[in-house]
PDB file of N, CA and C in Angstrom:
ATOM      1  N   UNK A   1     -41.850   6.234  45.930  1.00  0.00           N
ATOM      2  CA  UNK A   1     -40.512   6.732  46.030  1.00  0.00           C
ATOM      3  C   UNK A   1     -39.317   5.801  46.428  1.00  0.00           C
ATOM      4  N   UNK A   2     -38.478   5.649  45.713  1.00  0.00           N
ATOM      5  CA  UNK A   2     -37.469   4.964  45.695  1.00  0.00           C
ATOM      6  C   UNK A   2     -36.095   4.957  46.427  1.00  0.00           C
ATOM      7  N   UNK A   3     -35.833   4.165  46.989  1.00  0.00           N
ATOM      8  CA  UNK A   3     -34.906   4.327  48.353  1.00  0.00           C
ATOM      9  C   UNK A   3     -33.681   3.221  48.190  1.00  0.00           C
ATOM     10  N   UNK A   4     -32.326   4.244  48.096  1.00  0.00           N
ATOM     11  CA  UNK A   4     -31.504   2.868  47.869  1.00  0.00           C
ATOM     12  C   UNK A   4     -30.285   3.369  48.917  1.00  0.00           C
ATOM     13  N   UNK A   5     -29.435   2.959  49.485  1.00  0.00           N
ATOM     14  CA  UNK A   5     -28.589   2.396  50.476  1.00  0.00           C
ATOM     15  C   UNK A   5     -27.154   3.037  49.696  1.00  0.00           C
ATOM     16  N   UNK A   6     -26.800   4.159  49.728  1.00  0.00           N
ATOM     17  CA  UNK A   6     -25.013   4.399  48.832  1.00  0.00           C
ATOM     18  C   UNK A   6     -24.387   3.733  49.402  1.00  0.00           C
ATOM     19  N   UNK A   7     -24.175   3.721  50.866  1.00  0.00           N
ATOM     20  CA  UNK A   7     -23.157   2.538  51.522  1.00  0.00           C
ATOM     21  C   UNK A   7     -23.029   1.508  51.389  1.00  0.00           C
ATOM     22  N   UNK A   8     -24.579   0.820  51.314  1.00  0.00           N
ATOM     23  CA  UNK A   8     -24.616  -0.681  50.729  1.00  0.00           C
ATOM     24  C   UNK A   8     -23.907  -0.841  49.292  1.00  0.00           C
ATOM     25  N   UNK A   9     -24.720   0.226  48.517  1.00  0.00           N
ATOM     26  CA  UNK A   9     -24.349  -0.318  47.107  1.00  0.00           C
ATOM     27  C   UNK A   9     -22.902   0.031  46.713  1.00  0.00           C
ATOM     28  N   UNK A  10     -22.256   0.906  47.378  1.00  0.00           N
ATOM     29  CA  UNK A  10     -21.068   1.113  47.195  1.00  0.00           C
ATOM     30  C   UNK A  10     -19.989  -0.150  47.553  1.00  0.00           C
ATOM     31  N   UNK A  11     -20.350  -0.281  49.039  1.00  0.00           N
ATOM     32  CA  UNK A  11     -19.558  -1.514  49.162  1.00  0.00           C
ATOM     33  C   UNK A  11     -19.769  -2.700  48.329  1.00  0.00           C
ATOM     34  N   UNK A  12     -21.014  -3.387  47.658  1.00  0.00           N
ATOM     35  CA  UNK A  12     -21.243  -4.002  46.397  1.00  0.00           C
ATOM     36  C   UNK A  12     -20.199  -3.539  45.325  1.00  0.00           C
ATOM     37  N   UNK A  13     -20.238  -2.682  44.782  1.00  0.00           N
ATOM     38  CA  UNK A  13     -19.671  -2.566  43.804  1.00  0.00           C
ATOM     39  C   UNK A  13     -18.204  -2.082  43.701  1.00  0.00           C
ATOM     40  N   UNK A  14     -17.601  -2.017  44.932  1.00  0.00           N
ATOM     41  CA  UNK A  14     -16.279  -1.996  45.511  1.00  0.00           C
ATOM     42  C   UNK A  14     -15.700  -3.412  45.470  1.00  0.00           C
ATOM     43  N   UNK A  15     -16.811  -4.458  45.574  1.00  0.00           N
ATOM     44  CA  UNK A  15     -16.338  -5.921  45.819  1.00  0.00           C
ATOM     45  C   UNK A  15     -16.312  -6.115  44.494  1.00  0.00           C
ATOM     46  N   UNK A  16     -17.546  -5.949  43.739  1.00  0.00           N
ATOM     47  CA  UNK A  16     -17.611  -6.388  42.153  1.00  0.00           C
ATOM     48  C   UNK A  16     -16.039  -5.819  41.556  1.00  0.00           C
ATOM     49  N   UNK A  17     -15.494  -4.890  41.542  1.00  0.00           N
ATOM     50  CA  UNK A  17     -14.473  -4.227  41.156  1.00  0.00           C
ATOM     51  C   UNK A  17     -13.235  -5.118  41.433  1.00  0.00           C
ATOM     52  N   UNK A  18     -13.195  -5.665  42.995  1.00  0.00           N
ATOM     53  CA  UNK A  18     -11.908  -5.977  43.203  1.00  0.00           C
ATOM     54  C   UNK A  18     -12.038  -7.276  42.468  1.00  0.00           C
ATOM     55  N   UNK A  19     -12.950  -7.858  42.189  1.00  0.00           N
ATOM     56  CA  UNK A  19     -13.219  -9.146  41.246  1.00  0.00           C
ATOM     57  C   UNK A  19     -13.100  -8.952  39.894  1.00  0.00           C
ATOM     58  N   UNK A  20     -13.339  -7.929  39.356  1.00  0.00           N
ATOM     59  CA  UNK A  20     -13.420  -7.820  37.599  1.00  0.00           C
ATOM     60  C   UNK A  20     -11.724  -7.651  37.293  1.00  0.00           C
ATOM     61  N   UNK A  21     -11.610  -8.030  36.088  1.00  0.00           N
ATOM     62  CA  UNK A  21     -10.172  -7.684  35.511  1.00  0.00           C
ATOM     63  C   UNK A  21      -9.808  -6.745  35.040  1.00  0.00           C
ATOM     64  N   UNK A  22     -10.757  -6.107  34.822  1.00  0.00           N
ATOM     65  CA  UNK A  22     -10.848  -4.216  34.474  1.00  0.00           C
ATOM     66  C   UNK A  22     -10.429  -3.566  35.834  1.00  0.00           C
ATOM     67  N   UNK A  23     -10.863  -3.885  37.121  1.00  0.00           N
ATOM     68  CA  UNK A  23     -10.674  -3.071  38.282  1.00  0.00           C
ATOM     69  C   UNK A  23     -11.803  -2.319  38.342  1.00  0.00           C
ATOM     70  N   UNK A  24     -12.945  -2.450  37.509  1.00  0.00           N
ATOM     71  CA  UNK A  24     -13.991  -1.508  37.994  1.00  0.00           C
ATOM     72  C   UNK A  24     -15.436  -1.772  37.787  1.00  0.00           C
ATOM     73  N   UNK A  25     -16.350  -1.139  38.318  1.00  0.00           N
ATOM     74  CA  UNK A  25     -17.866  -1.692  38.582  1.00  0.00           C
ATOM     75  C   UNK A  25     -18.366  -0.315  38.325  1.00  0.00           C
ATOM     76  N   UNK A  26     -19.581  -0.328  37.564  1.00  0.00           N
ATOM     77  CA  UNK A  26     -20.242   0.801  37.130  1.00  0.00           C
ATOM     78  C   UNK A  26     -21.745   0.491  37.047  1.00  0.00           C
ATOM     79  N   UNK A  27     -22.593   1.468  38.202  1.00  0.00           N
ATOM     80  CA  UNK A  27     -24.140   0.848  37.830  1.00  0.00           C
ATOM     81  C   UNK A  27     -24.722   2.264  37.536  1.00  0.00           C
ATOM     82  N   UNK A  28     -25.795   2.668  37.025  1.00  0.00           N
ATOM     83  CA  UNK A  28     -26.393   3.872  36.833  1.00  0.00           C
ATOM     84  C   UNK A  28     -27.602   3.920  37.721  1.00  0.00           C
ATOM     85  N   UNK A  29     -28.004   4.947  38.875  1.00  0.00           N
ATOM     86  CA  UNK A  29     -28.594   4.967  39.863  1.00  0.00           C
ATOM     87  C   UNK A  29     -29.527   5.635  39.429  1.00  0.00           C
ATOM     88  N   UNK A  30     -29.566   6.448  38.433  1.00  0.00           N
ATOM     89  CA  UNK A  30     -30.903   7.408  37.974  1.00  0.00           C
ATOM     90  C   UNK A  30     -30.157   7.952  36.465  1.00  0.00           C
ATOM     91  N   UNK A  31     -31.403   7.486  35.444  1.00  0.00           N
ATOM     92  CA  UNK A  31     -30.955   8.137  34.312  1.00  0.00           C
ATOM     93  C   UNK A  31     -32.343   8.621  33.698  1.00  0.00           C
ATOM     94  N   UNK A  32     -32.473   9.865  33.218  1.00  0.00           N
ATOM     95  CA  UNK A  32     -33.560  10.163  32.411  1.00  0.00           C
ATOM     96  C   UNK A  32     -33.071  11.367  31.292  1.00  0.00           C
ATOM     97  N   UNK A  33     -33.566  12.045  30.543  1.00  0.00           N
ATOM     98  CA  UNK A  33     -33.520  12.768  29.538  1.00  0.00           C
ATOM     99  C   UNK A  33     -32.761  13.968  29.925  1.00  0.00           C
ATOM    100  N   UNK A  34     -32.907  14.462  31.272  1.00  0.00           N
ATOM    101  CA  UNK A  34     -31.914  15.597  31.874  1.00  0.00           C
ATOM    102  C   UNK A  34     -31.124  15.225  32.799  1.00  0.00           C
ATOM    103  N   UNK A  35     -30.742  14.451  33.681  1.00  0.00           N
ATOM    104  CA  UNK A  35     -30.269  13.773  34.574  1.00  0.00           C
ATOM    105  C   UNK A  35     -29.623  12.404  34.552  1.00  0.00           C
ATOM    106  N   UNK A  36     -28.401  12.358  34.971  1.00  0.00           N
ATOM    107  CA  UNK A  36     -27.817  10.963  34.795  1.00  0.00           C
ATOM    108  C   UNK A  36     -26.813  10.842  36.314  1.00  0.00           C
ATOM    109  N   UNK A  37     -27.198   9.865  36.877  1.00  0.00           N
ATOM    110  CA  UNK A  37     -26.484   9.600  37.999  1.00  0.00           C
ATOM    111  C   UNK A  37     -25.797   8.079  38.105  1.00  0.00           C
ATOM    112  N   UNK A  38     -24.584   8.135  38.152  1.00  0.00           N
ATOM    113  CA  UNK A  38     -23.754   6.986  38.101  1.00  0.00           C
ATOM    114  C   UNK A  38     -22.751   6.832  39.316  1.00  0.00           C
ATOM    115  N   UNK A  39     -22.983   5.417  39.661  1.00  0.00           N
ATOM    116  CA  UNK A  39     -21.795   4.982  40.568  1.00  0.00           C
ATOM    117  C   UNK A  39     -20.612   4.049  40.023  1.00  0.00           C
ATOM    118  N   UNK A  40     -19.446   4.576  40.236  1.00  0.00           N
ATOM    119  CA  UNK A  40     -18.459   3.843  40.017  1.00  0.00           C
ATOM    120  C   UNK A  40     -17.206   3.667  40.858  1.00  0.00           C
ATOM    121  N   UNK A  41     -16.903   2.182  40.948  1.00  0.00           N
ATOM    122  CA  UNK A  41     -15.999   1.623  41.553  1.00  0.00           C
ATOM    123  C   UNK A  41     -15.036   1.576  41.000  1.00  0.00           C
ATOM    124  N   UNK A  42     -13.898   1.730  41.848  1.00  0.00           N
ATOM    125  CA  UNK A  42     -12.480   1.485  40.982  1.00  0.00           C
ATOM    126  C   UNK A  42     -11.401   1.102  41.809  1.00  0.00           C
ATOM    127  N   UNK A  43     -10.894  -0.013  41.620  1.00  0.00           N
ATOM    128  CA  UNK A  43      -9.546  -0.295  42.395  1.00  0.00           C
ATOM    129  C   UNK A  43      -8.468   0.544  41.784  1.00  0.00           C
ATOM    130  N   UNK A  44      -7.149   0.360  42.908  1.00  0.00           N
ATOM    131  CA  UNK A  44      -6.166   1.309  42.970  1.00  0.00           C
ATOM    132  C   UNK A  44      -5.631   1.507  41.506  1.00  0.00           C
ATOM    133  N   UNK A  45      -5.434   2.537  41.113  1.00  0.00           N
ATOM    134  CA  UNK A  45      -4.772   2.839  39.687  1.00  0.00           C
ATOM    135  C   UNK A  45      -5.354   2.311  38.391  1.00  0.00           C
ATOM    136  N   UNK A  46      -6.572   2.037  38.766  1.00  0.00           N
ATOM    137  CA  UNK A  46      -7.841   1.965  37.540  1.00  0.00           C
ATOM    138  C   UNK A  46      -8.636   3.439  37.706  1.00  0.00           C
ATOM    139  N   UNK A  47      -9.207   3.626  36.511  1.00  0.00           N
ATOM    140  CA  UNK A  47     -10.294   4.655  36.435  1.00  0.00           C
ATOM    141  C   UNK A  47     -10.825   4.780  34.749  1.00  0.00           C
ATOM    142  N   UNK A  48     -10.967   6.242  34.044  1.00  0.00           N
ATOM    143  CA  UNK A  48     -11.587   6.477  33.334  1.00  0.00           C
ATOM    144  C   UNK A  48     -10.185   7.213  32.250  1.00  0.00           C
ATOM    145  N   UNK A  49     -10.148   6.805  31.091  1.00  0.00           N
ATOM    146  CA  UNK A  49      -9.107   7.620  30.550  1.00  0.00           C
ATOM    147  C   UNK A  49      -9.699   8.946  30.287  1.00  0.00           C
ATOM    148  N   UNK A  50      -8.891   9.847  29.727  1.00  0.00           N
ATOM    149  CA  UNK A  50      -9.493  10.964  29.069  1.00  0.00           C
ATOM    150  C   UNK A  50     -10.590  10.997  28.401  1.00  0.00           C
ATOM    151  N   UNK A  51     -11.627  12.041  28.608  1.00  0.00           N
ATOM    152  CA  UNK A  51     -12.756  12.159  27.981  1.00  0.00           C
ATOM    153  C   UNK A  51     -13.564  13.460  27.856  1.00  0.00           C
ATOM    154  N   UNK A  52     -14.392  13.846  26.983  1.00  0.00           N
ATOM    155  CA  UNK A  52     -14.717  15.098  27.419  1.00  0.00           C
ATOM    156  C   UNK A  52     -15.937  15.318  28.261  1.00  0.00           C
ATOM    157  N   UNK A  53     -16.036  16.472  28.925  1.00  0.00           N
ATOM    158  CA  UNK A  53     -17.177  16.486  29.485  1.00  0.00           C
ATOM    159  C   UNK A  53     -18.922  16.458  28.949  1.00  0.00           C
ATOM    160  N   UNK A  54     -19.491  15.590  29.026  1.00  0.00           N
ATOM    161  CA  UNK A  54     -20.844  15.816  28.456  1.00  0.00           C
ATOM    162  C   UNK A  54     -21.655  16.531  28.558  1.00  0.00           C
ATOM    163  N   UNK A  55     -21.262  17.504  29.461  1.00  0.00           N
ATOM    164  CA  UNK A  55     -22.701  18.533  30.114  1.00  0.00           C
ATOM    165  C   UNK A  55     -21.873  19.124  31.539  1.00  0.00           C
ATOM    166  N   UNK A  56     -22.999  19.649  32.311  1.00  0.00           N
ATOM    167  CA  UNK A  56     -22.389  20.037  33.507  1.00  0.00           C
ATOM    168  C   UNK A  56     -22.380  18.642  34.606  1.00  0.00           C
ATOM    169  N   UNK A  57     -21.632  18.573  35.286  1.00  0.00           N
ATOM    170  CA  UNK A  57     -20.887  17.497  35.975  1.00  0.00           C
ATOM    171  C   UNK A  57     -20.529  17.586  37.743  1.00  0.00           C
ATOM    172  N   UNK A  58     -20.470  16.823  38.358  1.00  0.00           N
ATOM    173  CA  UNK A  58     -20.002  16.646  39.539  1.00  0.00           C
ATOM    174  C   UNK A  58     -19.525  15.501  40.361  1.00  0.00           C
ATOM    175  N   UNK A  59     -18.920  15.332  40.809  1.00  0.00           N
ATOM    176  CA  UNK A  59     -18.225  14.071  41.397  1.00  0.00           C
ATOM    177  C   UNK A  59     -18.410  14.436  42.623  1.00  0.00           C
ATOM    178  N   UNK A  60     -18.832  13.195  43.486  1.00  0.00           N
ATOM    179  CA  UNK A  60     -18.683  13.260  44.993  1.00  0.00           C
ATOM    180  C   UNK A  60     -18.046  11.633  45.482  1.00  0.00           C
ATOM    181  N   UNK A  61     -16.945  11.874  46.370  1.00  0.00           N
ATOM    182  CA  UNK A  61     -16.239  10.349  46.322  1.00  0.00           C
ATOM    183  C   UNK A  61     -17.201   9.933  47.815  1.00  0.00           C
ATOM    184  N   UNK A  62     -17.156   8.865  47.387  1.00  0.00           N
ATOM    185  CA  UNK A  62     -18.329   7.992  48.429  1.00  0.00           C
ATOM    186  C   UNK A  62     -17.204   6.981  49.394  1.00  0.00           C
ATOM    187  N   UNK A  63     -15.986   6.559  48.814  1.00  0.00           N
ATOM    188  CA  UNK A  63     -14.973   5.517  49.238  1.00  0.00           C
ATOM    189  C   UNK A  63     -13.958   5.938  48.915  1.00  0.00           C
ATOM    190  N   UNK A  64     -13.044   5.877  49.840  1.00  0.00           N
ATOM    191  CA  UNK A  64     -11.080   6.081  49.017  1.00  0.00           C
ATOM    192  C   UNK A  64     -10.836   7.291  48.529  1.00  0.00           C
ATOM    193  N   UNK A  65      -9.795   7.244  47.629  1.00  0.00           N
ATOM    194  CA  UNK A  65      -9.343   8.722  47.325  1.00  0.00           C
ATOM    195  C   UNK A  65      -9.343   8.501  45.694  1.00  0.00           C
ATOM    196  N   UNK A  66      -9.807   9.565  44.956  1.00  0.00           N
ATOM    197  CA  UNK A  66      -9.510   9.493  43.470  1.00  0.00           C
ATOM    198  C   UNK A  66      -8.558  10.908  43.024  1.00  0.00           C
ATOM    199  N   UNK A  67      -8.446  10.765  41.925  1.00  0.00           N
ATOM    200  CA  UNK A  67      -7.664  11.867  41.419  1.00  0.00           C
ATOM    201  C   UNK A  67      -8.328  12.549  40.199  1.00  0.00           C
ATOM    202  N   UNK A  68      -8.862  13.534  39.702  1.00  0.00           N
ATOM    203  CA  UNK A  68      -9.373  14.104  38.426  1.00  0.00           C
ATOM    204  C   UNK A  68      -8.392  15.015  37.839  1.00  0.00           C
ATOM    205  N   UNK A  69      -7.743  14.997  36.864  1.00  0.00           N
ATOM    206  CA  UNK A  69      -6.978  15.722  36.022  1.00  0.00           C
ATOM    207  C   UNK A  69      -7.130  15.927  34.478  1.00  0.00           C
ATOM    208  N   UNK A  70      -7.117  17.612  34.366  1.00  0.00           N
ATOM    209  CA  UNK A  70      -6.883  17.993  32.925  1.00  0.00           C
ATOM    210  C   UNK A  70      -5.786  18.581  32.547  1.00  0.00           C
ATOM    211  N   UNK A  71      -5.681  19.144  31.341  1.00  0.00           N
ATOM    212  CA  UNK A  71      -4.199  19.109  30.957  1.00  0.00           C
ATOM    213  C   UNK A  71      -3.739  20.654  31.997  1.00  0.00           C
ATOM    214  N   UNK A  72      -4.479  21.351  32.240  1.00  0.00           N
ATOM    215  CA  UNK A  72      -4.099  22.524  33.289  1.00  0.00           C
ATOM    216  C   UNK A  72      -4.115  22.160  34.956  1.00  0.00           C
ATOM    217  N   UNK A  73      -4.744  21.371  34.689  1.00  0.00           N
ATOM    218  CA  UNK A  73      -4.797  21.091  36.517  1.00  0.00           C
ATOM    219  C   UNK A  73      -4.983  19.597  37.109  1.00  0.00           C
ATOM    220  N   UNK A  74      -4.725  19.238  38.308  1.00  0.00           N
ATOM    221  CA  UNK A  74      -5.064  18.184  39.032  1.00  0.00           C
ATOM    222  C   UNK A  74      -5.540  18.425  40.248  1.00  0.00           C
ATOM    223  N   UNK A  75      -6.689  17.306  40.685  1.00  0.00           N
ATOM    224  CA  UNK A  75      -7.500  17.655  42.313  1.00  0.00           C
ATOM    225  C   UNK A  75      -7.719  15.857  42.635  1.00  0.00           C
ATOM    226  N   UNK A  76      -7.215  16.018  43.894  1.00  0.00           N
ATOM    227  CA  UNK A  76      -7.379  14.732  44.514  1.00  0.00           C
ATOM    228  C   UNK A  76      -7.918  14.630  45.957  1.00  0.00           C
ATOM    229  N   UNK A  77      -9.056  14.027  45.819  1.00  0.00           N
ATOM    230  CA  UNK A  77     -10.249  14.030  46.713  1.00  0.00           C
ATOM    231  C   UNK A  77     -10.078  12.902  47.535  1.00  0.00           C
ATOM    232  N   UNK A  78     -10.974  13.097  48.649  1.00  0.00           N
ATOM    233  CA  UNK A  78     -11.185  11.649  49.364  1.00  0.00           C
ATOM    234  C   UNK A  78     -12.591  12.029  49.861  1.00  0.00           C
ATOM    235  N   UNK A  79     -12.897  10.765  51.116  1.00  0.00           N
ATOM    236  CA  UNK A  79     -14.236  10.447  51.382  1.00  0.00           C
ATOM    237  C   UNK A  79     -15.127  11.673  52.050  1.00  0.00           C
ATOM    238  N   UNK A  80     -16.259  11.890  50.944  1.00  0.00           N
ATOM    239  CA  UNK A  80     -16.827  13.402  51.518  1.00  0.00           C
ATOM    240  C   UNK A  80     -16.944  14.525  50.585  1.00  0.00           C
ATOM    241  N   UNK A  81     -15.537  14.720  49.823  1.00  0.00           N
ATOM    242  CA  UNK A  81     -15.283  15.422  48.743  1.00  0.00           C
ATOM    243  C   UNK A  81     -15.996  15.685  47.631  1.00  0.00           C
ATOM    244  N   UNK A  82     -16.339  16.743  47.269  1.00  0.00           N
ATOM    245  CA  UNK A  82     -17.365  17.065  46.096  1.00  0.00           C
ATOM    246  C   UNK A  82     -16.629  17.804  45.389  1.00  0.00           C
ATOM    247  N   UNK A  83     -16.466  17.578  43.821  1.00  0.00           N
ATOM    248  CA  UNK A  83     -16.074  18.746  42.947  1.00  0.00           C
ATOM    249  C   UNK A  83     -17.101  18.724  41.822  1.00  0.00           C
ATOM    250  N   UNK A  84     -17.002  19.766  41.315  1.00  0.00           N
ATOM    251  CA  UNK A  84     -17.529  20.426  39.877  1.00  0.00           C
ATOM    252  C   UNK A  84     -16.460  19.836  39.078  1.00  0.00           C
ATOM    253  N   UNK A  85     -17.070  19.322  38.020  1.00  0.00           N
ATOM    254  CA  UNK A  85     -15.914  18.740  37.228  1.00  0.00           C
ATOM    255  C   UNK A  85     -15.753  19.901  35.906  1.00  0.00           C
ATOM    256  N   UNK A  86     -14.679  20.464  35.894  1.00  0.00           N
ATOM    257  CA  UNK A  86     -14.338  21.238  34.512  1.00  0.00           C
ATOM    258  C   UNK A  86     -14.793  21.019  33.204  1.00  0.00           C
ATOM    259  N   UNK A  87     -15.158  22.092  32.578  1.00  0.00           N
ATOM    260  CA  UNK A  87     -15.758  21.909  31.521  1.00  0.00           C
ATOM    261  C   UNK A  87     -14.626  21.632  30.187  1.00  0.00           C
ATOM    262  N   UNK A  88     -13.836  20.675  30.567  1.00  0.00           N
ATOM    263  CA  UNK A  88     -13.153  20.261  29.516  1.00  0.00           C
ATOM    264  C   UNK A  88     -12.534  18.526  29.368  1.00  0.00           C
ATOM    265  N   UNK A  89     -12.086  18.324  28.316  1.00  0.00           N
ATOM    266  CA  UNK A  89     -11.397  16.742  28.662  1.00  0.00           C
ATOM    267  C   UNK A  89     -10.549  16.514  30.334  1.00  0.00           C
ATOM    268  N   UNK A  90     -11.007  15.444  30.505  1.00  0.00           N
ATOM    269  CA  UNK A  90     -10.757  15.085  32.193  1.00  0.00           C
ATOM    270  C   UNK A  90     -10.532  13.390  31.969  1.00  0.00           C
ATOM    271  N   UNK A  91      -9.677  13.071  33.248  1.00  0.00           N
ATOM    272  CA  UNK A  91      -9.057  11.790  33.157  1.00  0.00           C
ATOM    273  C   UNK A  91      -9.361  11.520  34.964  1.00  0.00           C
ATOM    274  N   UNK A  92     -10.136  10.189  35.395  1.00  0.00           N
ATOM    275  CA  UNK A  92     -10.253  10.198  36.345  1.00  0.00           C
ATOM    276  C   UNK A  92      -9.212   8.808  37.355  1.00  0.00           C
ATOM    277  N   UNK A  93      -8.791   8.608  37.901  1.00  0.00           N
ATOM    278  CA  UNK A  93      -7.822   7.396  38.432  1.00  0.00           C
ATOM    279  C   UNK A  93      -7.827   7.542  39.988  1.00  0.00           C
ATOM    280  N   UNK A  94      -7.994   6.084  40.480  1.00  0.00           N
ATOM    281  CA  UNK A  94      -8.630   5.942  41.698  1.00  0.00           C
ATOM    282  C   UNK A  94      -6.698   5.830  42.417  1.00  0.00           C
ATOM    283  N   UNK A  95      -6.618   6.692  43.323  1.00  0.00           N
ATOM    284  CA  UNK A  95      -5.207   6.409  43.964  1.00  0.00           C
ATOM    285  C   UNK A  95      -5.442   5.415  44.890  1.00  0.00           C
ATOM    286  N   UNK A  96      -6.751   5.222  45.371  1.00  0.00           N
ATOM    287  CA  UNK A  96      -6.956   3.966  46.303  1.00  0.00           C
ATOM    288  C   UNK A  96      -7.913   3.362  45.781  1.00  0.00           C
ATOM    289  N   UNK A  97      -8.301   1.932  46.105  1.00  0.00           N
ATOM    290  CA  UNK A  97      -9.669   1.445  45.999  1.00  0.00           C
ATOM    291  C   UNK A  97     -10.840   2.518  46.304  1.00  0.00           C
ATOM    292  N   UNK A  98     -11.777   2.842  45.213  1.00  0.00           N
ATOM    293  CA  UNK A  98     -12.810   3.995  45.658  1.00  0.00           C
ATOM    294  C   UNK A  98     -13.873   3.774  44.876  1.00  0.00           C
ATOM    295  N   UNK A  99     -14.582   4.409  45.364  1.00  0.00           N
ATOM    296  CA  UNK A  99     -16.048   4.793  45.104  1.00  0.00           C
ATOM    297  C   UNK A  99     -16.524   5.969  44.324  1.00  0.00           C
ATOM    298  N   UNK A 100     -17.393   6.369  43.758  1.00  0.00           N
ATOM    299  CA  UNK A 100     -17.417   7.976  43.087  1.00  0.00           C
ATOM    300  C   UNK A 100     -18.929   7.949  42.765  1.00  0.00           C
ATOM    301  N   UNK A 101     -19.553   8.912  43.199  1.00  0.00           N
ATOM    302  CA  UNK A 101     -20.997   9.283  42.048  1.00  0.00           C
ATOM    303  C   UNK A 101     -20.714  10.185  41.606  1.00  0.00           C
ATOM    304  N   UNK A 102     -21.015  10.179  40.081  1.00  0.00           N
ATOM    305  CA  UNK A 102     -21.052  11.330  38.842  1.00  0.00           C
ATOM    306  C   UNK A 102     -22.346  11.359  38.585  1.00  0.00           C
ATOM    307  N   UNK A 103     -22.525  12.866  38.916  1.00  0.00           N
ATOM    308  CA  UNK A 103     -23.914  13.400  38.240  1.00  0.00           C
ATOM    309  C   UNK A 103     -23.715  14.330  37.039  1.00  0.00           C
ATOM    310  N   UNK A 104     -24.513  14.019  36.161  1.00  0.00           N
ATOM    311  CA  UNK A 104     -24.370  14.776  35.170  1.00  0.00           C
ATOM    312  C   UNK A 104     -25.544  15.089  34.551  1.00  0.00           C
ATOM    313  N   UNK A 105     -25.686  16.712  34.462  1.00  0.00           N
ATOM    314  CA  UNK A 105     -27.026  17.422  33.738  1.00  0.00           C
ATOM    315  C   UNK A 105     -26.916  17.330  32.254  1.00  0.00           C
ATOM    316  N   UNK A 106     -27.507  16.654  31.585  1.00  0.00           N
ATOM    317  CA  UNK A 106     -27.247  16.597  30.296  1.00  0.00           C
ATOM    318  C   UNK A 106     -27.588  17.745  29.614  1.00  0.00           C
ATOM    319  N   UNK A 107     -26.655  18.263  28.511  1.00  0.00           N
ATOM    320  CA  UNK A 107     -27.108  19.259  27.381  1.00  0.00           C
ATOM    321  C   UNK A 107     -28.394  19.225  26.905  1.00  0.00           C
ATOM    322  N   UNK A 108     -29.172  20.530  26.591  1.00  0.00           N
ATOM    323  CA  UNK A 108     -30.395  20.633  26.205  1.00  0.00           C
ATOM    324  C   UNK A 108     -30.363  20.916  24.604  1.00  0.00           C
ATOM    325  N   UNK A 109     -30.946  19.940  23.801  1.00  0.00           N
ATOM    326  CA  UNK A 109     -30.862  19.984  22.587  1.00  0.00           C
ATOM    327  C   UNK A 109     -31.283  21.356  21.900  1.00  0.00           C
TER     328      UNK A 109
END
């Protein structure tokens, strides 16, 4: 059984993001044929440009505040908030330095 402290890992990646020129740090926590969990840390104003949803996906905010936006709606959340990501193109922006955990259930072929 593998054990990871999300709090410690989040702090580490937030420090990495603060030192990076692009203001982000990303690590895969779990990756399999069916499920992928990724920790993303961003400094304020940075994030992910608009992209398609690759499958069922959720977002959990572990630190700070983030905004997820589609063409028709915008959601802003803080620590402890959880969102089922709409199945449409979207972007993610750090409202303040933040760390999020993205979980994606890959489409079955």
